[in-house]
N, C-alpha and C. Protein backbone atom coordinates (compact mmCIF):
# COMPACT_ATOMS: atom_id res chain seq x y z
N UNK A 1 31.40 -29.44 48.26
CA UNK A 1 32.14 -30.31 47.66
C UNK A 1 32.12 -30.18 46.05
N UNK A 2 30.87 -29.81 45.44
CA UNK A 2 30.74 -29.86 44.17
C UNK A 2 31.66 -29.10 43.52
N UNK A 3 32.17 -27.69 44.16
CA UNK A 3 33.07 -26.76 43.88
C UNK A 3 34.35 -27.24 43.08
N UNK A 4 34.70 -28.51 43.54
CA UNK A 4 36.02 -29.28 43.55
C UNK A 4 35.86 -30.18 42.26
N UNK A 5 35.00 -30.35 41.61
CA UNK A 5 34.65 -31.14 40.53
C UNK A 5 35.55 -30.50 39.54
N UNK A 6 36.08 -31.61 38.39
CA UNK A 6 36.85 -31.41 37.13
C UNK A 6 36.26 -32.44 36.18
N UNK A 7 36.24 -32.03 34.93
CA UNK A 7 35.96 -32.61 33.83
C UNK A 7 37.35 -33.20 33.39
N UNK A 8 37.31 -34.70 32.86
CA UNK A 8 38.59 -35.55 32.89
C UNK A 8 38.98 -35.24 31.21
N UNK A 9 38.30 -34.74 30.58
CA UNK A 9 38.41 -34.58 29.02
C UNK A 9 37.26 -34.39 28.03
N UNK A 10 37.66 -34.41 26.97
CA UNK A 10 36.66 -34.20 25.75
C UNK A 10 36.45 -35.77 25.60
N UNK A 11 35.03 -36.23 25.68
CA UNK A 11 34.87 -37.84 25.02
C UNK A 11 34.47 -37.70 23.54
N UNK A 12 33.65 -36.68 23.13
CA UNK A 12 33.37 -36.62 21.88
C UNK A 12 33.47 -35.41 20.95
N UNK A 13 34.01 -35.34 19.76
CA UNK A 13 33.98 -34.40 18.92
C UNK A 13 33.23 -34.36 17.70
N UNK A 14 32.27 -33.64 17.53
CA UNK A 14 31.13 -34.03 16.56
C UNK A 14 31.39 -32.89 15.16
N UNK A 15 30.91 -33.78 14.20
CA UNK A 15 30.98 -32.85 12.92
C UNK A 15 29.82 -33.56 12.10
N UNK A 16 29.29 -32.74 11.23
CA UNK A 16 28.20 -33.11 10.48
C UNK A 16 28.15 -33.02 8.80
N UNK A 17 27.69 -33.77 8.31
CA UNK A 17 27.68 -34.13 6.84
C UNK A 17 26.05 -34.19 6.07
N UNK A 18 25.92 -34.03 5.00
CA UNK A 18 24.67 -34.11 4.26
C UNK A 18 24.53 -35.61 3.68
N UNK A 19 23.18 -36.14 3.84
CA UNK A 19 23.09 -37.51 3.54
C UNK A 19 23.68 -38.23 2.58
N UNK A 20 23.86 -37.67 1.28
CA UNK A 20 24.76 -38.05 0.32
C UNK A 20 26.14 -38.05 0.58
N UNK A 21 26.62 -37.66 1.51
CA UNK A 21 28.27 -37.84 1.84
C UNK A 21 28.62 -38.56 2.58
N UNK A 22 27.83 -39.61 3.07
CA UNK A 22 28.14 -40.34 4.18
C UNK A 22 29.37 -41.55 3.54
N UNK A 23 29.23 -41.81 2.41
CA UNK A 23 30.42 -42.91 1.99
C UNK A 23 31.65 -41.82 1.82
N UNK A 24 31.69 -40.75 1.27
CA UNK A 24 32.73 -39.94 1.36
C UNK A 24 33.58 -39.61 2.51
N UNK A 25 32.39 -39.28 3.67
CA UNK A 25 33.11 -39.03 4.94
C UNK A 25 34.05 -40.19 5.50
N UNK A 26 33.30 -41.46 5.33
CA UNK A 26 33.84 -42.65 5.87
C UNK A 26 34.94 -42.92 5.17
N UNK A 27 35.19 -42.78 4.06
CA UNK A 27 36.39 -42.79 3.04
C UNK A 27 37.60 -42.02 3.71
N UNK A 28 37.17 -40.77 3.78
CA UNK A 28 38.06 -39.93 4.04
C UNK A 28 38.85 -39.79 5.33
N UNK A 29 37.98 -40.08 6.41
CA UNK A 29 38.26 -40.37 7.66
C UNK A 29 39.17 -41.61 7.92
N UNK A 30 38.81 -42.42 7.41
CA UNK A 30 39.74 -43.80 7.19
C UNK A 30 40.84 -43.78 6.67
N UNK A 31 40.80 -43.39 5.33
CA UNK A 31 42.17 -43.71 4.44
C UNK A 31 42.65 -42.26 4.17
N UNK A 32 42.23 -41.14 4.59
CA UNK A 32 43.00 -40.12 4.34
C UNK A 32 43.60 -39.49 5.93
N UNK A 33 42.70 -39.38 7.03
CA UNK A 33 43.44 -39.23 8.09
C UNK A 33 43.67 -40.64 9.18
N UNK A 34 43.48 -41.52 8.63
CA UNK A 34 43.73 -42.95 9.11
C UNK A 34 43.32 -43.50 10.75
N UNK A 35 41.89 -42.80 10.85
CA UNK A 35 41.54 -42.91 11.92
C UNK A 35 40.60 -44.34 11.90
N UNK A 36 40.66 -44.75 13.02
CA UNK A 36 40.11 -46.36 13.17
C UNK A 36 38.43 -46.27 13.67
N UNK A 37 37.41 -46.92 12.53
CA UNK A 37 36.37 -46.91 12.59
C UNK A 37 35.75 -47.72 13.90
N UNK A 38 34.89 -47.17 14.60
CA UNK A 38 34.25 -47.77 15.41
C UNK A 38 32.77 -48.39 15.11
N UNK A 39 32.36 -48.25 13.76
CA UNK A 39 31.21 -48.35 13.05
C UNK A 39 30.33 -47.68 12.61
N UNK A 40 29.15 -48.04 12.05
CA UNK A 40 28.07 -47.02 11.62
C UNK A 40 27.08 -47.37 12.73
N UNK A 41 26.40 -46.14 12.76
CA UNK A 41 25.44 -45.88 13.56
C UNK A 41 24.07 -45.66 12.71
N UNK A 42 22.96 -45.19 13.46
CA UNK A 42 21.76 -45.10 12.55
C UNK A 42 21.86 -44.13 11.52
N UNK A 43 22.48 -42.87 11.75
CA UNK A 43 22.83 -42.01 10.65
C UNK A 43 24.23 -41.46 11.06
N UNK A 44 25.08 -42.03 11.66
CA UNK A 44 26.40 -41.70 12.08
C UNK A 44 27.59 -42.48 11.72
N UNK A 45 28.81 -41.82 12.02
CA UNK A 45 30.09 -42.83 11.59
C UNK A 45 30.85 -42.44 13.08
N UNK A 46 31.71 -43.23 13.79
CA UNK A 46 32.28 -42.90 14.75
C UNK A 46 33.76 -43.63 14.62
N UNK A 47 34.57 -42.69 15.15
CA UNK A 47 35.98 -43.01 14.73
C UNK A 47 36.86 -42.81 16.05
N UNK A 48 37.58 -43.69 16.65
CA UNK A 48 38.58 -43.52 17.80
C UNK A 48 39.73 -42.73 17.44
N UNK A 49 40.05 -41.67 18.59
CA UNK A 49 41.32 -40.84 18.24
C UNK A 49 41.65 -40.51 19.48
N UNK A 50 42.61 -41.61 20.10
CA UNK A 50 42.97 -41.49 21.38
C UNK A 50 42.11 -41.73 22.32
N UNK A 51 42.12 -40.83 23.42
CA UNK A 51 41.01 -41.36 24.54
C UNK A 51 39.62 -40.89 24.20
N UNK A 52 39.32 -40.15 22.80
CA UNK A 52 37.98 -39.45 22.84
C UNK A 52 37.50 -40.35 21.27
N UNK A 53 36.47 -39.94 20.94
CA UNK A 53 35.82 -40.41 19.21
C UNK A 53 35.54 -39.25 18.76
N UNK A 54 35.60 -39.34 17.59
CA UNK A 54 35.22 -38.06 16.32
C UNK A 54 33.92 -39.07 15.76
N UNK A 55 32.83 -38.32 16.13
CA UNK A 55 31.29 -38.60 15.54
C UNK A 55 31.08 -37.80 14.38
N UNK A 56 30.38 -38.40 13.34
CA UNK A 56 30.12 -37.79 12.13
C UNK A 56 28.68 -38.17 11.87
N UNK A 57 27.77 -36.80 12.13
CA UNK A 57 26.27 -37.11 12.12
C UNK A 57 25.66 -36.52 10.85
N UNK A 58 24.64 -37.29 10.12
CA UNK A 58 23.95 -36.68 9.19
C UNK A 58 23.09 -35.51 9.68
N UNK A 59 23.58 -34.61 9.20
CA UNK A 59 23.14 -33.12 9.49
C UNK A 59 21.47 -33.00 9.71
N UNK A 60 20.98 -33.50 8.57
CA UNK A 60 19.21 -33.37 8.62
C UNK A 60 18.56 -34.70 9.70
N UNK A 61 19.08 -35.69 10.10
CA UNK A 61 18.48 -36.92 10.60
C UNK A 61 18.84 -36.42 11.96
N UNK A 62 19.96 -36.00 12.44
CA UNK A 62 20.36 -35.60 13.59
C UNK A 62 19.54 -34.53 14.27
N UNK A 63 18.90 -33.59 13.30
CA UNK A 63 18.45 -32.43 14.03
C UNK A 63 16.86 -32.76 14.20
N UNK A 64 16.50 -33.92 13.85
CA UNK A 64 15.06 -33.99 13.83
C UNK A 64 14.77 -35.56 14.96
N UNK A 65 15.66 -36.00 15.32
CA UNK A 65 15.51 -37.36 16.16
C UNK A 65 15.06 -36.93 17.33
N UNK A 66 14.56 -38.25 18.01
CA UNK A 66 14.10 -37.75 19.31
C UNK A 66 14.74 -38.12 20.45
N UNK A 67 15.94 -39.12 20.27
CA UNK A 67 16.61 -39.13 21.34
C UNK A 67 18.03 -40.09 20.65
N UNK A 68 19.15 -39.29 20.99
CA UNK A 68 19.42 -38.49 22.01
C UNK A 68 18.80 -37.13 21.43
N UNK A 69 18.60 -36.07 22.30
CA UNK A 69 18.01 -34.70 21.84
C UNK A 69 18.47 -34.37 20.73
N UNK A 70 17.53 -33.61 19.71
CA UNK A 70 18.00 -33.41 18.37
C UNK A 70 19.34 -32.18 18.57
N UNK A 71 20.08 -32.18 17.66
CA UNK A 71 21.18 -31.36 17.70
C UNK A 71 21.95 -31.22 16.22
N UNK A 72 22.47 -30.33 15.77
CA UNK A 72 23.21 -29.97 14.50
C UNK A 72 23.91 -28.90 14.31
N UNK A 73 24.18 -28.32 13.31
CA UNK A 73 24.72 -27.31 12.84
C UNK A 73 24.95 -27.05 11.22
N UNK A 74 24.94 -25.93 10.72
CA UNK A 74 25.06 -25.55 9.55
C UNK A 74 26.18 -24.99 9.00
N UNK A 75 26.72 -25.06 7.92
CA UNK A 75 27.99 -24.29 7.72
C UNK A 75 29.16 -25.11 7.77
N UNK A 76 30.22 -24.57 7.86
CA UNK A 76 31.85 -25.13 8.00
C UNK A 76 31.92 -24.99 9.54
N UNK A 77 32.19 -26.26 10.27
CA UNK A 77 32.59 -26.66 11.61
C UNK A 77 33.97 -26.64 11.54
N UNK A 78 34.60 -26.40 12.79
CA UNK A 78 36.07 -26.73 13.08
C UNK A 78 36.54 -27.67 13.83
N UNK A 79 37.15 -28.20 13.48
CA UNK A 79 38.07 -29.20 14.45
C UNK A 79 39.43 -29.41 14.28
N UNK A 80 40.32 -29.47 15.43
CA UNK A 80 41.84 -29.37 15.11
C UNK A 80 42.29 -30.67 15.61
N UNK A 81 43.06 -31.14 14.98
CA UNK A 81 43.83 -32.80 15.31
C UNK A 81 45.20 -32.01 15.64
N UNK A 82 46.06 -32.94 16.60
CA UNK A 82 47.23 -32.90 17.10
C UNK A 82 48.19 -33.97 16.19
N UNK A 83 49.28 -33.27 15.52
CA UNK A 83 50.11 -34.59 15.06
C UNK A 83 50.81 -35.15 16.25
N UNK A 84 51.16 -36.34 15.80
CA UNK A 84 52.33 -36.91 16.80
C UNK A 84 53.62 -36.33 16.49
N UNK A 85 54.26 -36.16 17.60
CA UNK A 85 55.81 -35.39 17.59
C UNK A 85 56.77 -35.91 16.56
N UNK A 86 56.98 -34.65 15.70
CA UNK A 86 57.83 -34.88 14.39
C UNK A 86 57.26 -35.55 13.38
N UNK A 87 55.96 -35.45 13.11
CA UNK A 87 55.12 -35.94 12.09
C UNK A 87 54.19 -34.93 11.31
N UNK A 88 54.52 -33.83 11.72
CA UNK A 88 53.68 -32.66 11.08
C UNK A 88 53.85 -32.43 9.46
N UNK A 89 54.93 -32.47 9.21
CA UNK A 89 55.58 -32.43 7.64
C UNK A 89 55.30 -33.71 6.97
N UNK A 90 55.08 -34.59 7.54
CA UNK A 90 54.87 -36.20 6.83
C UNK A 90 53.11 -36.21 6.67
N UNK A 91 52.39 -35.34 7.70
CA UNK A 91 51.03 -35.10 7.50
C UNK A 91 50.56 -34.46 6.60
N UNK A 92 51.42 -33.20 6.16
CA UNK A 92 51.25 -32.49 5.05
C UNK A 92 51.36 -33.11 3.65
N UNK A 93 52.54 -34.21 3.55
CA UNK A 93 52.78 -34.85 2.58
C UNK A 93 51.90 -35.85 2.36
N UNK A 94 51.09 -36.59 3.31
CA UNK A 94 50.32 -37.43 3.50
C UNK A 94 48.73 -37.14 2.89
N UNK A 95 48.55 -35.53 3.10
CA UNK A 95 47.43 -34.92 2.74
C UNK A 95 47.60 -34.75 1.15
N UNK A 96 48.59 -34.11 0.61
CA UNK A 96 48.80 -33.98 -0.82
C UNK A 96 48.90 -35.25 -1.49
N UNK A 97 49.28 -36.30 -1.02
CA UNK A 97 49.17 -37.75 -1.65
C UNK A 97 48.04 -38.09 -1.92
N UNK A 98 47.00 -37.49 -1.14
CA UNK A 98 45.84 -38.17 -1.24
C UNK A 98 44.51 -37.03 -1.90
N UNK A 99 45.34 -36.02 -2.33
CA UNK A 99 44.56 -35.10 -3.37
C UNK A 99 43.84 -34.21 -2.47
N UNK A 100 44.39 -34.08 -1.16
CA UNK A 100 43.86 -32.92 -0.26
C UNK A 100 44.73 -31.68 -0.34
N UNK A 101 44.12 -30.43 -0.78
CA UNK A 101 44.58 -29.19 -0.89
C UNK A 101 44.49 -28.42 0.13
N UNK A 102 45.64 -28.03 0.70
CA UNK A 102 45.76 -27.12 2.39
C UNK A 102 44.92 -25.81 1.88
N UNK A 103 44.09 -25.26 2.59
CA UNK A 103 43.49 -23.89 2.27
C UNK A 103 44.24 -23.03 3.27
N UNK A 104 45.06 -23.41 4.10
CA UNK A 104 45.94 -22.38 4.54
C UNK A 104 46.86 -23.11 5.63
N UNK A 105 47.93 -22.32 5.93
CA UNK A 105 49.10 -22.89 7.08
C UNK A 105 49.63 -21.74 7.64
N UNK A 106 49.50 -21.82 8.73
CA UNK A 106 49.86 -20.68 9.82
C UNK A 106 50.75 -21.01 10.83
N UNK A 107 52.00 -20.09 11.01
CA UNK A 107 53.13 -20.33 11.86
C UNK A 107 52.72 -19.34 13.05
N UNK A 108 52.06 -19.99 14.25
CA UNK A 108 51.86 -18.91 15.03
C UNK A 108 53.11 -18.10 16.12
N UNK A 109 52.74 -17.36 16.57
CA UNK A 109 53.72 -16.57 17.36
C UNK A 109 54.77 -17.39 18.20
N UNK A 110 53.87 -18.54 18.83
CA UNK A 110 54.61 -19.57 19.44
C UNK A 110 55.64 -20.16 18.91
N UNK A 111 55.68 -20.21 17.47
CA UNK A 111 56.52 -21.09 16.72
C UNK A 111 55.83 -22.31 16.15
N UNK A 112 54.43 -22.65 16.76
CA UNK A 112 53.81 -23.67 16.29
C UNK A 112 53.19 -23.51 15.00
N UNK A 113 53.38 -24.41 14.01
CA UNK A 113 52.80 -24.42 12.85
C UNK A 113 51.33 -25.22 12.72
N UNK A 114 50.49 -24.94 11.89
CA UNK A 114 49.30 -25.69 11.66
C UNK A 114 48.80 -25.37 10.44
N UNK A 115 48.11 -26.39 9.73
CA UNK A 115 47.47 -26.46 8.36
C UNK A 115 46.30 -26.49 8.54
N UNK A 116 45.51 -26.27 7.36
CA UNK A 116 43.95 -26.26 7.52
C UNK A 116 43.62 -26.74 5.97
N UNK A 117 42.41 -27.46 6.05
CA UNK A 117 42.02 -28.04 4.97
C UNK A 117 40.38 -28.50 5.19
N UNK A 118 39.73 -29.00 4.28
CA UNK A 118 38.25 -29.21 4.39
C UNK A 118 38.20 -30.69 4.03
N UNK A 119 37.29 -31.23 4.96
CA UNK A 119 36.78 -32.78 4.46
C UNK A 119 35.50 -32.66 3.45
N UNK A 120 35.05 -34.03 3.01
CA UNK A 120 34.21 -33.71 2.00
C UNK A 120 32.84 -32.93 2.23
N UNK A 121 32.79 -32.88 3.34
CA UNK A 121 31.21 -32.06 3.70
C UNK A 121 31.75 -30.59 3.94
N UNK A 122 32.70 -30.38 3.97
CA UNK A 122 33.15 -28.86 4.22
C UNK A 122 33.72 -28.38 5.29
N UNK A 123 33.65 -29.24 6.32
CA UNK A 123 34.06 -28.84 7.65
C UNK A 123 35.56 -28.64 7.59
N UNK A 124 36.02 -27.57 8.13
CA UNK A 124 37.45 -27.11 8.45
C UNK A 124 38.36 -27.69 9.27
N UNK A 125 39.25 -28.49 9.00
CA UNK A 125 40.24 -29.27 9.52
C UNK A 125 41.52 -28.82 9.69
N UNK A 126 41.90 -29.01 10.92
CA UNK A 126 43.36 -28.38 11.36
C UNK A 126 44.24 -29.46 11.72
N UNK A 127 45.40 -29.62 11.45
CA UNK A 127 46.52 -30.45 11.76
C UNK A 127 47.51 -29.37 12.60
N UNK A 128 47.54 -29.63 14.10
CA UNK A 128 48.76 -28.70 14.41
C UNK A 128 50.10 -29.37 14.75
N UNK A 129 51.14 -28.76 14.77
CA UNK A 129 52.28 -29.51 15.04
C UNK A 129 52.63 -29.93 16.29
N UNK A 130 52.21 -29.11 17.28
CA UNK A 130 51.95 -29.59 18.69
C UNK A 130 51.00 -28.52 19.49
N UNK A 131 51.00 -28.56 20.80
CA UNK A 131 49.75 -28.03 21.43
C UNK A 131 49.95 -26.35 21.23
N UNK A 132 48.96 -25.83 20.53
CA UNK A 132 48.84 -24.53 20.43
C UNK A 132 48.60 -23.50 21.58
N UNK A 133 48.14 -24.21 22.67
CA UNK A 133 47.50 -23.45 24.04
C UNK A 133 48.40 -23.46 25.30
N UNK A 134 49.51 -24.10 25.14
CA UNK A 134 50.59 -24.41 26.24
C UNK A 134 51.05 -22.74 26.83
N UNK A 135 50.90 -22.69 27.79
CA UNK A 135 51.49 -21.13 28.18
C UNK A 135 52.67 -21.11 28.36
């Protein structure tokens, strides 16, 4: 019967920041992306997004912690967000209004557009007009 098991979705998406970037990251995810804060952890920030959570961890501290097991990444990490229907262009305007520079915009072969930009820690973020992965 275990062959029939399926995962229900993605619960957490994790990005990392340097210790001195926590305040900037909190401001960015609340005020630029409009995510709802779930509060601060020991060395982390958590934001509700749909049925999942975006977690932001202090890169150094999370890589040396005992529990949960140590984890981390260096360099630019990528996460893509989905704009609500009809709001893609408004998201580009919102980013510009808040001083965020787009690093790229792609019109995919499927006709879907997505734009790329960085958060204060240098993570590469993307907002897609609609699902890029539908067949």
